[in-house]
């Protein structure tokens, strides 16, 4: 039977600071992912606006050549949006994998000196599974909490 520990706001803040402290060495990846997310959103808005302009302008146009700039803008923003979205996903996941690698290394280095004596009341597989699950939860944190805002 597992005991639950009441939440401590000060303890939670310390843990959050330690977890976010692991981001500092690879913050460039998170900044790049956030920048690409802004480019993706901006190009999506520009795509909708230029497509709406193209549709409304095509009703009044007498020649197709007058629509050339709007057609080019729609193509440009569509390609930019797709490229930036793929880049955001790639850079975000690469940065997150680097962060979780650092966290896993830090955790294993912290646990290794404890040795078997400190963990004798637990089964080896339980400790490893719990550690892996906790680090995997942090992976979602960096991808879905740190980058989107």
N, C-alpha and C. Protein backbone atom coordinates (compact mmCIF):
# COMPACT_ATOMS: atom_id res chain seq x y z
N UNK A 1 0.84 -1.18 0.00
CA UNK A 1 0.00 0.00 0.00
C UNK A 1 0.89 1.24 0.00
N UNK A 2 0.59 2.15 -0.88
CA UNK A 2 1.41 3.34 -1.04
C UNK A 2 0.84 4.47 -0.19
N UNK A 3 1.71 5.15 0.54
CA UNK A 3 1.27 6.30 1.33
C UNK A 3 1.32 7.53 0.46
N UNK A 4 0.35 8.40 0.63
CA UNK A 4 0.36 9.67 -0.10
C UNK A 4 0.87 10.75 0.83
N UNK A 5 1.67 11.61 0.29
CA UNK A 5 2.25 12.70 1.06
C UNK A 5 1.50 13.97 0.69
N UNK A 6 1.08 14.75 1.69
CA UNK A 6 0.36 15.98 1.36
C UNK A 6 1.25 16.94 0.58
N UNK A 7 0.62 17.68 -0.32
CA UNK A 7 1.36 18.61 -1.17
C UNK A 7 1.91 19.76 -0.33
N UNK A 8 3.15 20.08 -0.57
CA UNK A 8 3.82 21.18 0.11
C UNK A 8 4.19 22.19 -0.97
N UNK A 9 3.64 23.40 -0.88
CA UNK A 9 3.85 24.40 -1.93
C UNK A 9 5.33 24.77 -2.05
N UNK A 10 6.01 24.92 -0.93
CA UNK A 10 7.43 25.28 -0.98
C UNK A 10 8.25 24.15 -1.58
N UNK A 11 7.93 22.91 -1.22
CA UNK A 11 8.63 21.76 -1.79
C UNK A 11 8.38 21.62 -3.27
N UNK A 12 7.13 21.87 -3.69
CA UNK A 12 6.80 21.81 -5.12
C UNK A 12 7.56 22.86 -5.91
N UNK A 13 7.69 24.05 -5.34
CA UNK A 13 8.41 25.13 -6.02
C UNK A 13 9.89 24.78 -6.17
N UNK A 14 10.47 24.15 -5.13
CA UNK A 14 11.87 23.74 -5.21
C UNK A 14 12.08 22.68 -6.28
N UNK A 15 11.17 21.72 -6.32
CA UNK A 15 11.27 20.66 -7.33
C UNK A 15 11.13 21.25 -8.72
N UNK A 16 10.17 22.17 -8.91
CA UNK A 16 9.98 22.80 -10.22
C UNK A 16 11.21 23.59 -10.63
N UNK A 17 11.84 24.30 -9.69
CA UNK A 17 13.07 25.04 -10.00
C UNK A 17 14.19 24.09 -10.41
N UNK A 18 14.30 22.96 -9.73
CA UNK A 18 15.36 22.00 -10.08
C UNK A 18 15.11 21.39 -11.46
N UNK A 19 13.86 21.11 -11.75
CA UNK A 19 13.53 20.53 -13.06
C UNK A 19 13.76 21.55 -14.16
N UNK A 20 13.32 22.78 -13.95
CA UNK A 20 13.54 23.82 -14.96
C UNK A 20 15.01 24.19 -15.07
N UNK A 21 15.77 23.98 -14.01
CA UNK A 21 17.21 24.24 -14.05
C UNK A 21 17.94 23.33 -15.02
N UNK A 22 17.36 22.18 -15.29
CA UNK A 22 17.95 21.25 -16.25
C UNK A 22 17.82 21.76 -17.68
N UNK A 23 16.97 22.75 -17.91
CA UNK A 23 16.74 23.29 -19.25
C UNK A 23 17.82 24.29 -19.64
N UNK A 24 18.42 24.93 -18.67
CA UNK A 24 19.35 26.02 -18.93
C UNK A 24 20.44 25.68 -19.95
N UNK A 25 21.13 24.54 -19.85
CA UNK A 25 22.18 24.26 -20.84
C UNK A 25 21.68 24.05 -22.27
N UNK A 26 20.43 23.68 -22.42
CA UNK A 26 19.90 23.44 -23.77
C UNK A 26 18.72 24.35 -24.08
N UNK A 27 18.72 25.51 -23.47
CA UNK A 27 17.59 26.43 -23.68
C UNK A 27 17.51 26.94 -25.12
N UNK A 28 18.61 26.88 -25.85
CA UNK A 28 18.59 27.31 -27.25
C UNK A 28 17.63 26.48 -28.08
N UNK A 29 17.54 25.18 -27.78
CA UNK A 29 16.61 24.32 -28.51
C UNK A 29 15.16 24.71 -28.21
N UNK A 30 14.87 25.03 -26.96
CA UNK A 30 13.52 25.43 -26.58
C UNK A 30 13.18 26.78 -27.20
N UNK A 31 14.13 27.70 -27.20
CA UNK A 31 13.90 29.01 -27.82
C UNK A 31 13.68 28.87 -29.32
N UNK A 32 14.47 28.01 -29.96
CA UNK A 32 14.29 27.78 -31.40
C UNK A 32 12.94 27.16 -31.70
N UNK A 33 12.50 26.21 -30.87
CA UNK A 33 11.19 25.60 -31.07
C UNK A 33 10.08 26.62 -30.87
N UNK A 34 10.22 27.48 -29.87
CA UNK A 34 9.21 28.51 -29.63
C UNK A 34 9.18 29.52 -30.77
N UNK A 35 10.34 29.87 -31.30
CA UNK A 35 10.41 30.80 -32.43
C UNK A 35 9.74 30.19 -33.66
N UNK A 36 10.02 28.93 -33.93
CA UNK A 36 9.38 28.26 -35.06
C UNK A 36 7.87 28.14 -34.85
N UNK A 37 7.43 27.99 -33.59
CA UNK A 37 5.99 27.96 -33.31
C UNK A 37 5.34 29.30 -33.62
N UNK A 38 6.04 30.38 -33.31
CA UNK A 38 5.52 31.71 -33.64
C UNK A 38 5.46 31.91 -35.15
N UNK A 39 6.50 31.45 -35.87
CA UNK A 39 6.51 31.55 -37.33
C UNK A 39 5.36 30.72 -37.92
N UNK A 40 5.13 29.53 -37.37
CA UNK A 40 4.04 28.68 -37.84
C UNK A 40 2.69 29.35 -37.66
N UNK A 41 2.46 29.90 -36.48
CA UNK A 41 1.18 30.56 -36.20
C UNK A 41 0.99 31.80 -37.06
N UNK A 42 2.03 32.60 -37.18
CA UNK A 42 1.95 33.81 -37.98
C UNK A 42 1.71 33.50 -39.45
N UNK A 43 2.40 32.51 -39.97
CA UNK A 43 2.20 32.16 -41.37
C UNK A 43 0.83 31.54 -41.59
N UNK A 44 0.28 30.85 -40.59
CA UNK A 44 -1.08 30.32 -40.71
C UNK A 44 -2.11 31.43 -40.78
N UNK A 45 -1.94 32.46 -39.96
CA UNK A 45 -2.84 33.61 -39.99
C UNK A 45 -2.71 34.34 -41.33
N UNK A 46 -1.47 34.53 -41.77
CA UNK A 46 -1.24 35.21 -43.06
C UNK A 46 -1.80 34.40 -44.22
N UNK A 47 -1.73 33.09 -44.12
CA UNK A 47 -2.29 32.22 -45.16
C UNK A 47 -3.80 32.39 -45.25
N UNK A 48 -4.47 32.38 -44.13
CA UNK A 48 -5.92 32.57 -44.12
C UNK A 48 -6.29 33.94 -44.66
N UNK A 49 -5.54 34.96 -44.24
CA UNK A 49 -5.84 36.32 -44.70
C UNK A 49 -5.60 36.47 -46.20
N UNK A 50 -4.48 35.95 -46.70
CA UNK A 50 -4.20 36.08 -48.13
C UNK A 50 -5.15 35.23 -48.98
N UNK A 51 -5.57 34.07 -48.46
CA UNK A 51 -6.54 33.26 -49.19
C UNK A 51 -7.89 33.96 -49.25
N UNK A 52 -8.30 34.58 -48.15
CA UNK A 52 -9.56 35.33 -48.15
C UNK A 52 -9.48 36.51 -49.12
N UNK A 53 -8.34 37.19 -49.12
CA UNK A 53 -8.16 38.29 -50.05
C UNK A 53 -8.21 37.79 -51.49
N UNK A 54 -7.56 36.67 -51.77
CA UNK A 54 -7.54 36.11 -53.12
C UNK A 54 -8.95 35.74 -53.57
N UNK A 55 -9.72 35.13 -52.70
CA UNK A 55 -11.08 34.75 -53.07
C UNK A 55 -11.94 35.97 -53.33
N UNK A 56 -11.85 36.97 -52.46
CA UNK A 56 -12.68 38.16 -52.66
C UNK A 56 -12.22 38.98 -53.87
N UNK A 57 -10.92 38.99 -54.11
CA UNK A 57 -10.38 39.74 -55.24
C UNK A 57 -10.66 39.03 -56.57
N UNK A 58 -10.73 37.71 -56.55
CA UNK A 58 -10.95 36.98 -57.80
C UNK A 58 -12.35 37.23 -58.36
N UNK A 59 -13.27 37.62 -57.53
CA UNK A 59 -14.62 37.94 -58.01
C UNK A 59 -14.61 39.20 -58.85
N UNK A 60 -13.74 40.13 -58.52
CA UNK A 60 -13.71 41.42 -59.20
C UNK A 60 -12.67 41.49 -60.31
N UNK A 61 -11.76 40.54 -60.36
CA UNK A 61 -10.67 40.60 -61.32
C UNK A 61 -11.15 40.25 -62.72
N UNK A 62 -10.62 40.98 -63.68
CA UNK A 62 -10.97 40.71 -65.08
C UNK A 62 -9.90 39.86 -65.75
N UNK A 63 -8.67 39.91 -65.24
CA UNK A 63 -7.58 39.11 -65.81
C UNK A 63 -6.87 38.37 -64.68
N UNK A 64 -6.37 37.19 -65.01
CA UNK A 64 -5.69 36.36 -64.01
C UNK A 64 -4.37 36.96 -63.57
N UNK A 65 -3.78 37.80 -64.42
CA UNK A 65 -2.49 38.39 -64.06
C UNK A 65 -2.60 39.36 -62.89
N UNK A 66 -3.76 39.92 -62.67
CA UNK A 66 -3.93 40.85 -61.54
C UNK A 66 -3.94 40.11 -60.20
N UNK A 67 -4.11 38.80 -60.24
CA UNK A 67 -4.14 38.00 -59.02
C UNK A 67 -2.80 37.35 -58.70
N UNK A 68 -1.79 37.62 -59.49
CA UNK A 68 -0.49 36.95 -59.36
C UNK A 68 0.14 37.12 -57.99
N UNK A 69 0.10 38.32 -57.44
CA UNK A 69 0.72 38.56 -56.14
C UNK A 69 -0.02 37.79 -55.04
N UNK A 70 -1.35 37.80 -55.11
CA UNK A 70 -2.14 37.09 -54.09
C UNK A 70 -1.92 35.58 -54.19
N UNK A 71 -1.86 35.07 -55.40
CA UNK A 71 -1.61 33.63 -55.59
C UNK A 71 -0.23 33.25 -55.05
N UNK A 72 0.76 34.08 -55.34
CA UNK A 72 2.11 33.83 -54.84
C UNK A 72 2.15 33.90 -53.32
N UNK A 73 1.42 34.84 -52.73
CA UNK A 73 1.38 34.97 -51.27
C UNK A 73 0.76 33.72 -50.63
N UNK A 74 -0.31 33.21 -51.22
CA UNK A 74 -0.95 32.00 -50.68
C UNK A 74 0.03 30.82 -50.75
N UNK A 75 0.70 30.67 -51.85
CA UNK A 75 1.68 29.59 -51.98
C UNK A 75 2.83 29.75 -50.99
N UNK A 76 3.34 30.96 -50.87
CA UNK A 76 4.45 31.23 -49.96
C UNK A 76 4.07 30.92 -48.51
N UNK A 77 2.92 31.41 -48.07
CA UNK A 77 2.52 31.20 -46.68
C UNK A 77 2.18 29.73 -46.41
N UNK A 78 1.64 29.04 -47.40
CA UNK A 78 1.35 27.61 -47.22
C UNK A 78 2.65 26.81 -47.06
N UNK A 79 3.61 27.10 -47.91
CA UNK A 79 4.90 26.40 -47.82
C UNK A 79 5.63 26.76 -46.54
N UNK A 80 5.59 28.03 -46.16
CA UNK A 80 6.26 28.48 -44.93
C UNK A 80 5.62 27.83 -43.71
N UNK A 81 4.31 27.76 -43.69
CA UNK A 81 3.62 27.16 -42.55
C UNK A 81 3.98 25.68 -42.40
N UNK A 82 3.97 24.96 -43.49
CA UNK A 82 4.29 23.52 -43.44
C UNK A 82 5.75 23.30 -43.02
N UNK A 83 6.65 24.08 -43.58
CA UNK A 83 8.06 23.93 -43.26
C UNK A 83 8.35 24.31 -41.81
N UNK A 84 7.77 25.41 -41.36
CA UNK A 84 8.00 25.85 -39.98
C UNK A 84 7.38 24.87 -38.99
N UNK A 85 6.25 24.29 -39.33
CA UNK A 85 5.61 23.32 -38.43
C UNK A 85 6.48 22.06 -38.29
N UNK A 86 7.00 21.57 -39.41
CA UNK A 86 7.89 20.41 -39.35
C UNK A 86 9.16 20.74 -38.58
N UNK A 87 9.71 21.92 -38.82
CA UNK A 87 10.91 22.35 -38.10
C UNK A 87 10.66 22.48 -36.61
N UNK A 88 9.49 23.02 -36.24
CA UNK A 88 9.14 23.15 -34.83
C UNK A 88 9.07 21.78 -34.16
N UNK A 89 8.43 20.84 -34.81
CA UNK A 89 8.32 19.49 -34.25
C UNK A 89 9.70 18.85 -34.10
N UNK A 90 10.51 18.98 -35.13
CA UNK A 90 11.84 18.36 -35.10
C UNK A 90 12.71 18.98 -34.01
N UNK A 91 12.80 20.29 -34.00
CA UNK A 91 13.65 20.99 -33.03
C UNK A 91 13.12 20.79 -31.61
N UNK A 92 11.81 20.85 -31.44
CA UNK A 92 11.22 20.66 -30.11
C UNK A 92 11.49 19.28 -29.56
N UNK A 93 11.32 18.26 -30.38
CA UNK A 93 11.58 16.91 -29.90
C UNK A 93 13.07 16.67 -29.67
N UNK A 94 13.91 17.21 -30.54
CA UNK A 94 15.34 17.04 -30.35
C UNK A 94 15.80 17.70 -29.05
N UNK A 95 15.30 18.91 -28.81
CA UNK A 95 15.64 19.58 -27.56
C UNK A 95 15.11 18.84 -26.34
N UNK A 96 13.90 18.32 -26.44
CA UNK A 96 13.32 17.57 -25.33
C UNK A 96 14.10 16.30 -25.05
N UNK A 97 14.53 15.62 -26.10
CA UNK A 97 15.34 14.42 -25.89
C UNK A 97 16.67 14.76 -25.23
N UNK A 98 17.24 15.88 -25.59
CA UNK A 98 18.50 16.29 -24.95
C UNK A 98 18.29 16.62 -23.48
N UNK A 99 17.16 17.26 -23.18
CA UNK A 99 16.85 17.60 -21.79
C UNK A 99 16.63 16.33 -20.98
N UNK A 100 15.83 15.41 -21.51
CA UNK A 100 15.55 14.19 -20.75
C UNK A 100 16.80 13.32 -20.61
N UNK A 101 17.69 13.40 -21.58
CA UNK A 101 18.96 12.68 -21.44
C UNK A 101 19.76 13.25 -20.27
N UNK A 102 19.78 14.57 -20.16
CA UNK A 102 20.49 15.19 -19.04
C UNK A 102 19.85 14.82 -17.71
N UNK A 103 18.51 14.80 -17.68
CA UNK A 103 17.81 14.47 -16.43
C UNK A 103 18.06 13.01 -16.05
N UNK A 104 18.00 12.12 -17.02
CA UNK A 104 18.25 10.70 -16.72
C UNK A 104 19.67 10.50 -16.19
N UNK A 105 20.63 11.16 -16.83
CA UNK A 105 22.02 11.04 -16.38
C UNK A 105 22.16 11.57 -14.96
N UNK A 106 21.55 12.71 -14.69
CA UNK A 106 21.60 13.30 -13.36
C UNK A 106 20.97 12.37 -12.33
N UNK A 107 19.82 11.79 -12.67
CA UNK A 107 19.14 10.87 -11.74
C UNK A 107 19.99 9.64 -11.46
N UNK A 108 20.53 9.03 -12.51
CA UNK A 108 21.34 7.83 -12.30
C UNK A 108 22.61 8.14 -11.51
N UNK A 109 23.21 9.29 -11.76
CA UNK A 109 24.40 9.67 -10.99
C UNK A 109 24.05 9.94 -9.53
N UNK A 110 22.84 10.41 -9.28
CA UNK A 110 22.41 10.66 -7.90
C UNK A 110 22.08 9.38 -7.17
N UNK A 111 21.55 8.40 -7.89
CA UNK A 111 21.14 7.14 -7.27
C UNK A 111 22.32 6.18 -7.09
N UNK A 112 23.25 6.19 -8.01
CA UNK A 112 24.35 5.22 -7.98
C UNK A 112 25.13 5.21 -6.67
N UNK A 113 25.48 6.36 -6.08
CA UNK A 113 26.23 6.31 -4.82
C UNK A 113 25.43 5.71 -3.66
N UNK A 114 24.12 5.71 -3.75
CA UNK A 114 23.32 5.15 -2.66
C UNK A 114 23.57 3.66 -2.49
N UNK A 115 23.83 3.00 -3.61
CA UNK A 115 24.15 1.58 -3.57
C UNK A 115 22.96 0.72 -3.18
N UNK A 116 23.19 -0.54 -3.15
CA UNK A 116 22.10 -1.47 -2.86
C UNK A 116 21.57 -1.35 -1.43
N UNK A 117 22.38 -0.91 -0.50
CA UNK A 117 21.93 -0.83 0.89
C UNK A 117 20.76 0.14 1.06
N UNK A 118 20.79 1.26 0.38
CA UNK A 118 19.72 2.24 0.51
C UNK A 118 18.45 1.81 -0.19
N UNK A 119 18.56 0.91 -1.15
CA UNK A 119 17.40 0.51 -1.94
C UNK A 119 17.02 -0.95 -1.69
N UNK A 120 17.48 -1.53 -0.60
CA UNK A 120 17.27 -2.96 -0.39
C UNK A 120 15.81 -3.32 -0.14
N UNK A 121 15.02 -2.39 0.35
CA UNK A 121 13.60 -2.70 0.60
C UNK A 121 12.74 -2.59 -0.67
N UNK A 122 13.35 -2.23 -1.77
CA UNK A 122 12.63 -2.15 -3.06
C UNK A 122 13.22 -3.14 -4.05
N UNK A 123 12.38 -3.56 -4.96
CA UNK A 123 12.89 -4.42 -6.02
C UNK A 123 13.56 -3.56 -7.08
N UNK A 124 14.58 -4.08 -7.72
CA UNK A 124 15.35 -3.31 -8.70
C UNK A 124 14.49 -2.81 -9.85
N UNK A 125 13.63 -3.66 -10.32
CA UNK A 125 12.78 -3.28 -11.45
C UNK A 125 11.82 -2.16 -11.10
N UNK A 126 11.35 -2.12 -9.84
CA UNK A 126 10.44 -1.07 -9.41
C UNK A 126 11.12 0.29 -9.42
N UNK A 127 12.33 0.35 -8.94
CA UNK A 127 13.06 1.62 -8.91
C UNK A 127 13.32 2.12 -10.32
N UNK A 128 13.76 1.23 -11.18
CA UNK A 128 14.05 1.61 -12.56
C UNK A 128 12.79 2.05 -13.29
N UNK A 129 11.70 1.31 -13.11
CA UNK A 129 10.44 1.66 -13.78
C UNK A 129 9.92 3.00 -13.29
N UNK A 130 9.99 3.24 -12.00
CA UNK A 130 9.51 4.51 -11.46
C UNK A 130 10.35 5.68 -11.99
N UNK A 131 11.65 5.49 -12.02
CA UNK A 131 12.53 6.54 -12.53
C UNK A 131 12.27 6.83 -14.01
N UNK A 132 12.13 5.78 -14.80
CA UNK A 132 11.87 5.96 -16.23
C UNK A 132 10.52 6.64 -16.46
N UNK A 133 9.50 6.26 -15.69
CA UNK A 133 8.18 6.87 -15.84
C UNK A 133 8.21 8.35 -15.46
N UNK A 134 8.92 8.69 -14.40
CA UNK A 134 9.00 10.09 -13.99
C UNK A 134 9.70 10.94 -15.04
N UNK A 135 10.77 10.44 -15.61
CA UNK A 135 11.48 11.20 -16.63
C UNK A 135 10.64 11.32 -17.90
N UNK A 136 9.89 10.29 -18.24
CA UNK A 136 9.00 10.36 -19.40
C UNK A 136 7.90 11.39 -19.20
N UNK A 137 7.43 11.56 -17.97
CA UNK A 137 6.44 12.59 -17.68
C UNK A 137 7.03 13.99 -17.93
N UNK A 138 8.31 14.15 -17.61
CA UNK A 138 8.97 15.44 -17.84
C UNK A 138 9.09 15.73 -19.33
N UNK A 139 9.20 14.71 -20.14
CA UNK A 139 9.27 14.90 -21.59
C UNK A 139 8.02 15.62 -22.08
N UNK A 140 6.86 15.20 -21.62
CA UNK A 140 5.62 15.87 -22.00
C UNK A 140 5.57 17.29 -21.46
N UNK A 141 6.15 17.51 -20.28
CA UNK A 141 6.15 18.84 -19.70
C UNK A 141 6.88 19.84 -20.61
N UNK A 142 8.06 19.47 -21.07
CA UNK A 142 8.84 20.41 -21.88
C UNK A 142 8.19 20.65 -23.24
N UNK A 143 7.61 19.62 -23.83
CA UNK A 143 7.00 19.78 -25.16
C UNK A 143 5.67 20.49 -25.12
N UNK A 144 4.87 20.23 -24.09
CA UNK A 144 3.50 20.73 -24.08
C UNK A 144 3.25 21.88 -23.12
N UNK A 145 4.22 22.18 -22.28
CA UNK A 145 4.06 23.29 -21.33
C UNK A 145 5.06 24.39 -21.60
N UNK A 146 6.30 24.05 -21.80
CA UNK A 146 7.34 25.07 -21.92
C UNK A 146 7.29 25.80 -23.27
N UNK A 147 7.06 25.07 -24.35
CA UNK A 147 7.13 25.67 -25.69
C UNK A 147 5.85 26.42 -26.09
N UNK A 148 4.65 25.88 -25.92
CA UNK A 148 3.46 26.55 -26.48
C UNK A 148 3.22 27.99 -26.03
N UNK A 149 3.42 28.35 -24.76
CA UNK A 149 3.17 29.76 -24.43
C UNK A 149 4.06 30.72 -25.19
